[in-house]
Amino acid sequence: MSGWDITPSGVGSVISHVGEVMSVLNDIVDAYSDDVEGAATSAGTLAPGGASGEHKGQGGLVAAALAEFVEGTADELKFIGVRVGKSVNGAVEATLAYQDGDLEMAAEAQHRAGGVVEPDMPAGWRSGSVGWKADRP
């Protein structure tokens, strides 16, 4: 690899897009919850006469299976948001460290450039002069 290709503005752009996607994902999770509840209600029951009358509010096998599924996957759904948040924070921290490293390297290079020793030059050469004149008697 010849070098890093990180720009803070590029990272900021990606993080902004991730935020937009997370907003949509939040809406999807909310809809998922409503959809599962609707499916459980619509699935009916094995009780005589269905889920109306004296068996009103009683769920069937499908509703029980859906409830168990939701309970079993709830932590995984929560983990998606947590993981995305940690990934975004990690990207921001890495970019800041990269910038700090760039600044430190630039300062070190500037420090080293300021300590250049002048080489031996011909007689008559003066520092800061455009040219040099040989010493003439």
N, C-alpha and C. Protein backbone atom coordinates (compact mmCIF):
# COMPACT_ATOMS: atom_id res chain seq x y z
N MET A 1 0.85 -1.18 0.00
CA MET A 1 0.00 0.00 0.00
C MET A 1 0.89 1.23 0.00
N SER A 2 0.62 2.15 -0.92
CA SER A 2 1.48 3.32 -1.06
C SER A 2 1.18 4.42 -0.04
N GLY A 3 0.01 4.44 0.52
CA GLY A 3 -0.32 5.47 1.50
C GLY A 3 -1.77 5.41 1.90
N TRP A 4 -2.11 6.24 2.85
CA TRP A 4 -3.48 6.30 3.32
C TRP A 4 -4.28 7.22 2.42
N ASP A 5 -5.54 6.93 2.30
CA ASP A 5 -6.43 7.78 1.51
C ASP A 5 -7.65 8.09 2.37
N ILE A 6 -7.43 8.85 3.42
CA ILE A 6 -8.51 9.20 4.35
C ILE A 6 -8.69 10.71 4.33
N THR A 7 -9.92 11.12 4.14
CA THR A 7 -10.23 12.54 4.25
C THR A 7 -11.33 12.69 5.29
N PRO A 8 -11.15 13.61 6.23
CA PRO A 8 -12.19 13.82 7.24
C PRO A 8 -13.55 14.11 6.63
N SER A 9 -13.58 14.85 5.53
CA SER A 9 -14.87 15.16 4.89
C SER A 9 -15.50 13.89 4.31
N GLY A 10 -14.67 13.00 3.79
CA GLY A 10 -15.18 11.72 3.27
C GLY A 10 -15.75 10.86 4.37
N VAL A 11 -15.05 10.80 5.49
CA VAL A 11 -15.55 10.04 6.63
C VAL A 11 -16.85 10.66 7.14
N GLY A 12 -16.89 11.98 7.20
CA GLY A 12 -18.11 12.66 7.64
C GLY A 12 -19.28 12.36 6.73
N SER A 13 -19.02 12.30 5.43
CA SER A 13 -20.07 11.99 4.46
C SER A 13 -20.61 10.57 4.68
N VAL A 14 -19.71 9.62 4.86
CA VAL A 14 -20.13 8.23 5.10
C VAL A 14 -20.93 8.14 6.39
N ILE A 15 -20.47 8.80 7.44
CA ILE A 15 -21.17 8.76 8.73
C ILE A 15 -22.57 9.38 8.59
N SER A 16 -22.67 10.43 7.80
CA SER A 16 -23.98 11.03 7.56
C SER A 16 -24.92 10.04 6.87
N HIS A 17 -24.40 9.31 5.89
CA HIS A 17 -25.22 8.30 5.20
C HIS A 17 -25.62 7.17 6.15
N VAL A 18 -24.70 6.78 7.01
CA VAL A 18 -25.01 5.73 7.99
C VAL A 18 -26.14 6.20 8.90
N GLY A 19 -26.10 7.46 9.30
CA GLY A 19 -27.18 8.02 10.13
C GLY A 19 -28.52 7.96 9.44
N GLU A 20 -28.52 8.27 8.14
CA GLU A 20 -29.77 8.20 7.37
C GLU A 20 -30.28 6.76 7.31
N VAL A 21 -29.38 5.82 7.07
CA VAL A 21 -29.77 4.41 6.99
C VAL A 21 -30.28 3.93 8.34
N MET A 22 -29.64 4.35 9.41
CA MET A 22 -30.09 3.94 10.75
C MET A 22 -31.48 4.49 11.05
N SER A 23 -31.78 5.67 10.56
CA SER A 23 -33.12 6.23 10.74
C SER A 23 -34.15 5.36 10.03
N VAL A 24 -33.83 4.95 8.81
CA VAL A 24 -34.72 4.08 8.05
C VAL A 24 -34.83 2.72 8.75
N LEU A 25 -33.70 2.21 9.23
CA LEU A 25 -33.71 0.92 9.93
C LEU A 25 -34.60 0.98 11.17
N ASN A 26 -34.56 2.09 11.87
CA ASN A 26 -35.42 2.26 13.04
C ASN A 26 -36.89 2.18 12.65
N ASP A 27 -37.23 2.82 11.53
CA ASP A 27 -38.62 2.76 11.04
C ASP A 27 -38.99 1.32 10.67
N ILE A 28 -38.04 0.60 10.08
CA ILE A 28 -38.29 -0.79 9.68
C ILE A 28 -38.52 -1.66 10.91
N VAL A 29 -37.73 -1.46 11.95
CA VAL A 29 -37.89 -2.25 13.17
C VAL A 29 -39.25 -1.96 13.81
N ASP A 30 -39.64 -0.69 13.82
CA ASP A 30 -40.96 -0.34 14.35
C ASP A 30 -42.07 -1.02 13.54
N ALA A 31 -41.95 -0.99 12.22
CA ALA A 31 -42.95 -1.63 11.35
C ALA A 31 -42.93 -3.15 11.55
N TYR A 32 -41.76 -3.70 11.74
CA TYR A 32 -41.61 -5.14 11.99
C TYR A 32 -42.43 -5.56 13.21
N SER A 33 -42.29 -4.79 14.25
CA SER A 33 -43.04 -5.09 15.48
C SER A 33 -44.54 -5.06 15.22
N ASP A 34 -45.01 -4.03 14.53
CA ASP A 34 -46.43 -3.92 14.22
C ASP A 34 -46.87 -5.06 13.29
N ASP A 35 -46.03 -5.41 12.32
CA ASP A 35 -46.37 -6.47 11.37
C ASP A 35 -46.46 -7.83 12.05
N VAL A 36 -45.55 -8.10 12.97
CA VAL A 36 -45.59 -9.38 13.69
C VAL A 36 -46.85 -9.46 14.55
N GLU A 37 -47.17 -8.35 15.20
CA GLU A 37 -48.39 -8.32 16.01
C GLU A 37 -49.63 -8.54 15.14
N GLY A 38 -49.65 -7.90 13.97
CA GLY A 38 -50.77 -8.08 13.06
C GLY A 38 -50.86 -9.51 12.56
N ALA A 39 -49.71 -10.12 12.26
CA ALA A 39 -49.71 -11.50 11.79
C ALA A 39 -50.21 -12.43 12.88
N ALA A 40 -49.79 -12.20 14.11
CA ALA A 40 -50.23 -13.04 15.23
C ALA A 40 -51.73 -12.92 15.43
N THR A 41 -52.26 -11.71 15.31
CA THR A 41 -53.69 -11.50 15.49
C THR A 41 -54.48 -12.15 14.34
N SER A 42 -53.97 -12.03 13.12
CA SER A 42 -54.67 -12.56 11.95
C SER A 42 -54.55 -14.06 11.80
N ALA A 43 -53.60 -14.66 12.49
CA ALA A 43 -53.37 -16.09 12.34
C ALA A 43 -54.49 -16.93 12.92
N GLY A 44 -55.24 -16.34 13.81
CA GLY A 44 -56.37 -17.06 14.39
C GLY A 44 -55.94 -18.04 15.47
N THR A 45 -56.87 -18.94 15.79
CA THR A 45 -56.64 -19.88 16.87
C THR A 45 -57.30 -21.21 16.52
N LEU A 46 -56.97 -22.21 17.27
CA LEU A 46 -57.59 -23.52 17.06
C LEU A 46 -58.82 -23.71 17.94
N ALA A 47 -59.19 -22.66 18.68
CA ALA A 47 -60.34 -22.75 19.58
C ALA A 47 -61.63 -22.79 18.77
N PRO A 48 -62.60 -23.48 19.24
CA PRO A 48 -63.89 -23.53 18.53
C PRO A 48 -64.47 -22.13 18.38
N GLY A 49 -64.86 -21.77 17.19
CA GLY A 49 -65.44 -20.46 16.95
C GLY A 49 -64.40 -19.39 16.69
N GLY A 50 -63.11 -19.77 16.67
CA GLY A 50 -62.04 -18.81 16.41
C GLY A 50 -61.74 -17.95 17.61
N ALA A 51 -61.12 -16.83 17.35
CA ALA A 51 -60.68 -15.94 18.42
C ALA A 51 -61.73 -14.89 18.75
N SER A 52 -62.98 -15.20 18.52
CA SER A 52 -64.04 -14.26 18.88
C SER A 52 -64.94 -14.92 19.91
N GLY A 53 -65.87 -14.21 20.38
CA GLY A 53 -66.80 -14.77 21.36
C GLY A 53 -66.10 -15.07 22.67
N GLU A 54 -66.39 -16.25 23.19
CA GLU A 54 -65.82 -16.60 24.51
C GLU A 54 -64.31 -16.82 24.46
N HIS A 55 -63.73 -17.02 23.28
CA HIS A 55 -62.28 -17.22 23.15
C HIS A 55 -61.55 -15.96 22.68
N LYS A 56 -62.21 -14.81 22.75
CA LYS A 56 -61.64 -13.56 22.29
C LYS A 56 -60.32 -13.27 23.03
N GLY A 57 -59.30 -12.88 22.28
CA GLY A 57 -58.01 -12.55 22.86
C GLY A 57 -57.11 -13.75 23.03
N GLN A 58 -57.59 -14.93 22.73
CA GLN A 58 -56.78 -16.13 22.87
C GLN A 58 -56.00 -16.33 21.57
N GLY A 59 -54.68 -16.48 21.68
CA GLY A 59 -53.85 -16.66 20.50
C GLY A 59 -53.73 -18.13 20.14
N GLY A 60 -53.41 -18.37 18.89
CA GLY A 60 -53.24 -19.74 18.42
C GLY A 60 -51.78 -20.14 18.39
N LEU A 61 -51.52 -21.24 17.73
CA LEU A 61 -50.15 -21.78 17.64
C LEU A 61 -49.22 -20.83 16.87
N VAL A 62 -49.71 -20.25 15.80
CA VAL A 62 -48.88 -19.33 15.01
C VAL A 62 -48.52 -18.10 15.85
N ALA A 63 -49.48 -17.58 16.58
CA ALA A 63 -49.21 -16.41 17.43
C ALA A 63 -48.18 -16.76 18.50
N ALA A 64 -48.29 -17.95 19.06
CA ALA A 64 -47.33 -18.37 20.09
C ALA A 64 -45.93 -18.53 19.47
N ALA A 65 -45.87 -19.09 18.26
CA ALA A 65 -44.58 -19.25 17.59
C ALA A 65 -43.97 -17.89 17.25
N LEU A 66 -44.78 -16.97 16.77
CA LEU A 66 -44.28 -15.63 16.46
C LEU A 66 -43.78 -14.91 17.71
N ALA A 67 -44.52 -15.04 18.79
CA ALA A 67 -44.10 -14.41 20.05
C ALA A 67 -42.76 -14.98 20.50
N GLU A 68 -42.61 -16.28 20.37
CA GLU A 68 -41.35 -16.92 20.77
C GLU A 68 -40.21 -16.47 19.86
N PHE A 69 -40.51 -16.35 18.57
CA PHE A 69 -39.50 -15.89 17.61
C PHE A 69 -39.05 -14.47 17.95
N VAL A 70 -40.00 -13.58 18.18
CA VAL A 70 -39.67 -12.19 18.50
C VAL A 70 -38.84 -12.12 19.78
N GLU A 71 -39.23 -12.89 20.78
CA GLU A 71 -38.49 -12.91 22.04
C GLU A 71 -37.07 -13.41 21.82
N GLY A 72 -36.92 -14.41 20.99
CA GLY A 72 -35.59 -14.98 20.73
C GLY A 72 -34.69 -14.11 19.89
N THR A 73 -35.26 -13.21 19.10
CA THR A 73 -34.45 -12.36 18.22
C THR A 73 -34.35 -10.91 18.68
N ALA A 74 -35.00 -10.57 19.77
CA ALA A 74 -35.00 -9.17 20.24
C ALA A 74 -33.60 -8.65 20.52
N ASP A 75 -32.77 -9.46 21.17
CA ASP A 75 -31.41 -9.02 21.49
C ASP A 75 -30.60 -8.79 20.21
N GLU A 76 -30.83 -9.64 19.22
CA GLU A 76 -30.10 -9.48 17.96
C GLU A 76 -30.50 -8.18 17.26
N LEU A 77 -31.76 -7.83 17.31
CA LEU A 77 -32.20 -6.58 16.72
C LEU A 77 -31.59 -5.38 17.44
N LYS A 78 -31.56 -5.44 18.76
CA LYS A 78 -30.97 -4.36 19.55
C LYS A 78 -29.47 -4.24 19.24
N PHE A 79 -28.83 -5.40 19.04
CA PHE A 79 -27.39 -5.42 18.80
C PHE A 79 -27.02 -4.69 17.52
N ILE A 80 -27.89 -4.71 16.51
CA ILE A 80 -27.59 -4.03 15.25
C ILE A 80 -27.32 -2.55 15.50
N GLY A 81 -28.20 -1.90 16.23
CA GLY A 81 -28.02 -0.48 16.52
C GLY A 81 -26.78 -0.20 17.35
N VAL A 82 -26.55 -1.04 18.34
CA VAL A 82 -25.37 -0.86 19.20
C VAL A 82 -24.09 -1.02 18.37
N ARG A 83 -24.07 -2.03 17.52
CA ARG A 83 -22.88 -2.30 16.71
C ARG A 83 -22.62 -1.17 15.71
N VAL A 84 -23.67 -0.67 15.10
CA VAL A 84 -23.50 0.43 14.16
C VAL A 84 -22.96 1.66 14.89
N GLY A 85 -23.51 1.94 16.07
CA GLY A 85 -23.04 3.08 16.86
C GLY A 85 -21.57 2.96 17.21
N LYS A 86 -21.16 1.77 17.62
CA LYS A 86 -19.75 1.56 17.97
C LYS A 86 -18.86 1.67 16.74
N SER A 87 -19.34 1.20 15.60
CA SER A 87 -18.57 1.29 14.36
C SER A 87 -18.38 2.74 13.94
N VAL A 88 -19.43 3.53 14.04
CA VAL A 88 -19.35 4.95 13.68
C VAL A 88 -18.38 5.66 14.62
N ASN A 89 -18.49 5.41 15.91
CA ASN A 89 -17.56 6.04 16.87
C ASN A 89 -16.12 5.63 16.58
N GLY A 90 -15.93 4.36 16.25
CA GLY A 90 -14.58 3.88 15.92
C GLY A 90 -14.03 4.58 14.68
N ALA A 91 -14.86 4.79 13.68
CA ALA A 91 -14.41 5.48 12.46
C ALA A 91 -14.03 6.92 12.77
N VAL A 92 -14.81 7.58 13.61
CA VAL A 92 -14.50 8.97 13.99
C VAL A 92 -13.19 9.03 14.77
N GLU A 93 -13.03 8.14 15.74
CA GLU A 93 -11.81 8.12 16.55
C GLU A 93 -10.58 7.80 15.69
N ALA A 94 -10.72 6.86 14.77
CA ALA A 94 -9.60 6.51 13.89
C ALA A 94 -9.22 7.69 12.99
N THR A 95 -10.21 8.41 12.49
CA THR A 95 -9.94 9.56 11.63
C THR A 95 -9.24 10.66 12.42
N LEU A 96 -9.69 10.89 13.65
CA LEU A 96 -9.02 11.90 14.48
C LEU A 96 -7.58 11.51 14.78
N ALA A 97 -7.35 10.23 15.06
CA ALA A 97 -5.99 9.76 15.32
C ALA A 97 -5.13 9.91 14.07
N TYR A 98 -5.71 9.63 12.91
CA TYR A 98 -5.00 9.79 11.63
C TYR A 98 -4.60 11.25 11.44
N GLN A 99 -5.54 12.17 11.69
CA GLN A 99 -5.25 13.59 11.56
C GLN A 99 -4.16 14.02 12.53
N ASP A 100 -4.26 13.56 13.78
CA ASP A 100 -3.24 13.90 14.77
C ASP A 100 -1.88 13.39 14.35
N GLY A 101 -1.86 12.16 13.80
CA GLY A 101 -0.61 11.58 13.31
C GLY A 101 -0.03 12.39 12.17
N ASP A 102 -0.88 12.84 11.25
CA ASP A 102 -0.43 13.69 10.15
C ASP A 102 0.19 14.98 10.68
N LEU A 103 -0.47 15.59 11.65
CA LEU A 103 0.04 16.85 12.21
C LEU A 103 1.38 16.62 12.92
N GLU A 104 1.49 15.51 13.64
CA GLU A 104 2.74 15.20 14.32
C GLU A 104 3.86 14.96 13.31
N MET A 105 3.55 14.22 12.23
CA MET A 105 4.57 13.97 11.22
C MET A 105 4.99 15.26 10.53
N ALA A 106 4.04 16.14 10.24
CA ALA A 106 4.36 17.42 9.60
C ALA A 106 5.24 18.27 10.52
N ALA A 107 4.90 18.29 11.80
CA ALA A 107 5.69 19.07 12.76
C ALA A 107 7.11 18.50 12.87
N GLU A 108 7.22 17.18 12.87
CA GLU A 108 8.54 16.54 12.95
C GLU A 108 9.36 16.84 11.70
N ALA A 109 8.75 16.79 10.54
CA ALA A 109 9.46 17.09 9.29
C ALA A 109 9.91 18.55 9.27
N GLN A 110 9.06 19.43 9.76
CA GLN A 110 9.39 20.85 9.80
C GLN A 110 10.54 21.08 10.79
N HIS A 111 10.50 20.39 11.92
CA HIS A 111 11.56 20.51 12.92
C HIS A 111 12.89 20.04 12.34
N ARG A 112 12.86 18.93 11.64
CA ARG A 112 14.10 18.39 11.05
C ARG A 112 14.63 19.31 9.96
N ALA A 113 13.73 19.89 9.18
CA ALA A 113 14.16 20.80 8.10
C ALA A 113 14.81 22.05 8.67
N GLY A 114 14.36 22.50 9.83
CA GLY A 114 14.94 23.69 10.44
C GLY A 114 16.32 23.45 11.01
N GLY A 115 16.72 22.22 11.20
CA GLY A 115 18.02 21.92 11.78
C GLY A 115 19.05 21.51 10.75
N VAL A 116 18.86 21.91 9.50
CA VAL A 116 19.80 21.53 8.43
C VAL A 116 21.12 22.26 8.65
N VAL A 117 22.18 21.53 8.57
CA VAL A 117 23.52 22.10 8.71
C VAL A 117 23.99 22.54 7.34
N GLU A 118 24.54 23.75 7.27
CA GLU A 118 25.03 24.24 5.99
C GLU A 118 26.30 23.50 5.62
N PRO A 119 26.38 23.05 4.39
CA PRO A 119 27.59 22.34 3.96
C PRO A 119 28.75 23.32 3.77
N ASP A 120 29.94 22.78 3.67
CA ASP A 120 31.11 23.62 3.38
C ASP A 120 30.94 24.20 1.99
N MET A 121 31.07 25.49 1.90
CA MET A 121 30.89 26.16 0.61
C MET A 121 32.20 26.82 0.21
N PRO A 122 32.31 27.15 -1.06
CA PRO A 122 33.54 27.80 -1.53
C PRO A 122 33.79 29.12 -0.79
N ALA A 123 35.02 29.51 -0.77
CA ALA A 123 35.39 30.76 -0.11
C ALA A 123 34.63 31.92 -0.76
N GLY A 124 34.15 32.83 0.04
CA GLY A 124 33.44 33.99 -0.46
C GLY A 124 31.93 33.80 -0.49
N TRP A 125 31.50 32.62 -0.25
CA TRP A 125 30.05 32.37 -0.25
C TRP A 125 29.47 32.87 1.06
N ARG A 126 28.37 33.56 0.98
CA ARG A 126 27.71 34.04 2.17
C ARG A 126 26.29 33.51 2.19
N SER A 127 25.82 33.11 3.36
CA SER A 127 24.47 32.60 3.52
C SER A 127 23.47 33.67 3.13
N GLY A 128 22.50 33.31 2.32
CA GLY A 128 21.46 34.25 1.92
C GLY A 128 21.79 34.99 0.65
N SER A 129 23.01 34.84 0.14
CA SER A 129 23.33 35.53 -1.09
C SER A 129 22.84 34.73 -2.29
N VAL A 130 22.58 35.44 -3.37
CA VAL A 130 22.09 34.79 -4.57
C VAL A 130 23.20 33.99 -5.21
N GLY A 131 24.34 34.45 -5.20
CA GLY A 131 25.49 33.75 -5.82
C GLY A 131 26.68 33.83 -4.88
N TRP A 132 27.81 33.56 -5.38
CA TRP A 132 29.00 33.68 -4.55
C TRP A 132 30.10 34.35 -5.36
N LYS A 133 30.95 35.01 -4.62
CA LYS A 133 32.10 35.65 -5.26
C LYS A 133 33.34 35.04 -4.67
N ALA A 134 34.23 34.69 -5.51
CA ALA A 134 35.50 34.15 -5.02
C ALA A 134 36.25 35.26 -4.33
N ASP A 135 36.97 34.90 -3.28
CA ASP A 135 37.77 35.91 -2.58
C ASP A 135 38.84 36.40 -3.55
N ARG A 136 38.90 37.70 -3.71
CA ARG A 136 39.90 38.27 -4.59
C ARG A 136 40.80 39.17 -3.77
N PRO A 137 42.05 39.05 -4.03
CA PRO A 137 42.98 39.90 -3.28
C PRO A 137 42.87 41.36 -3.60
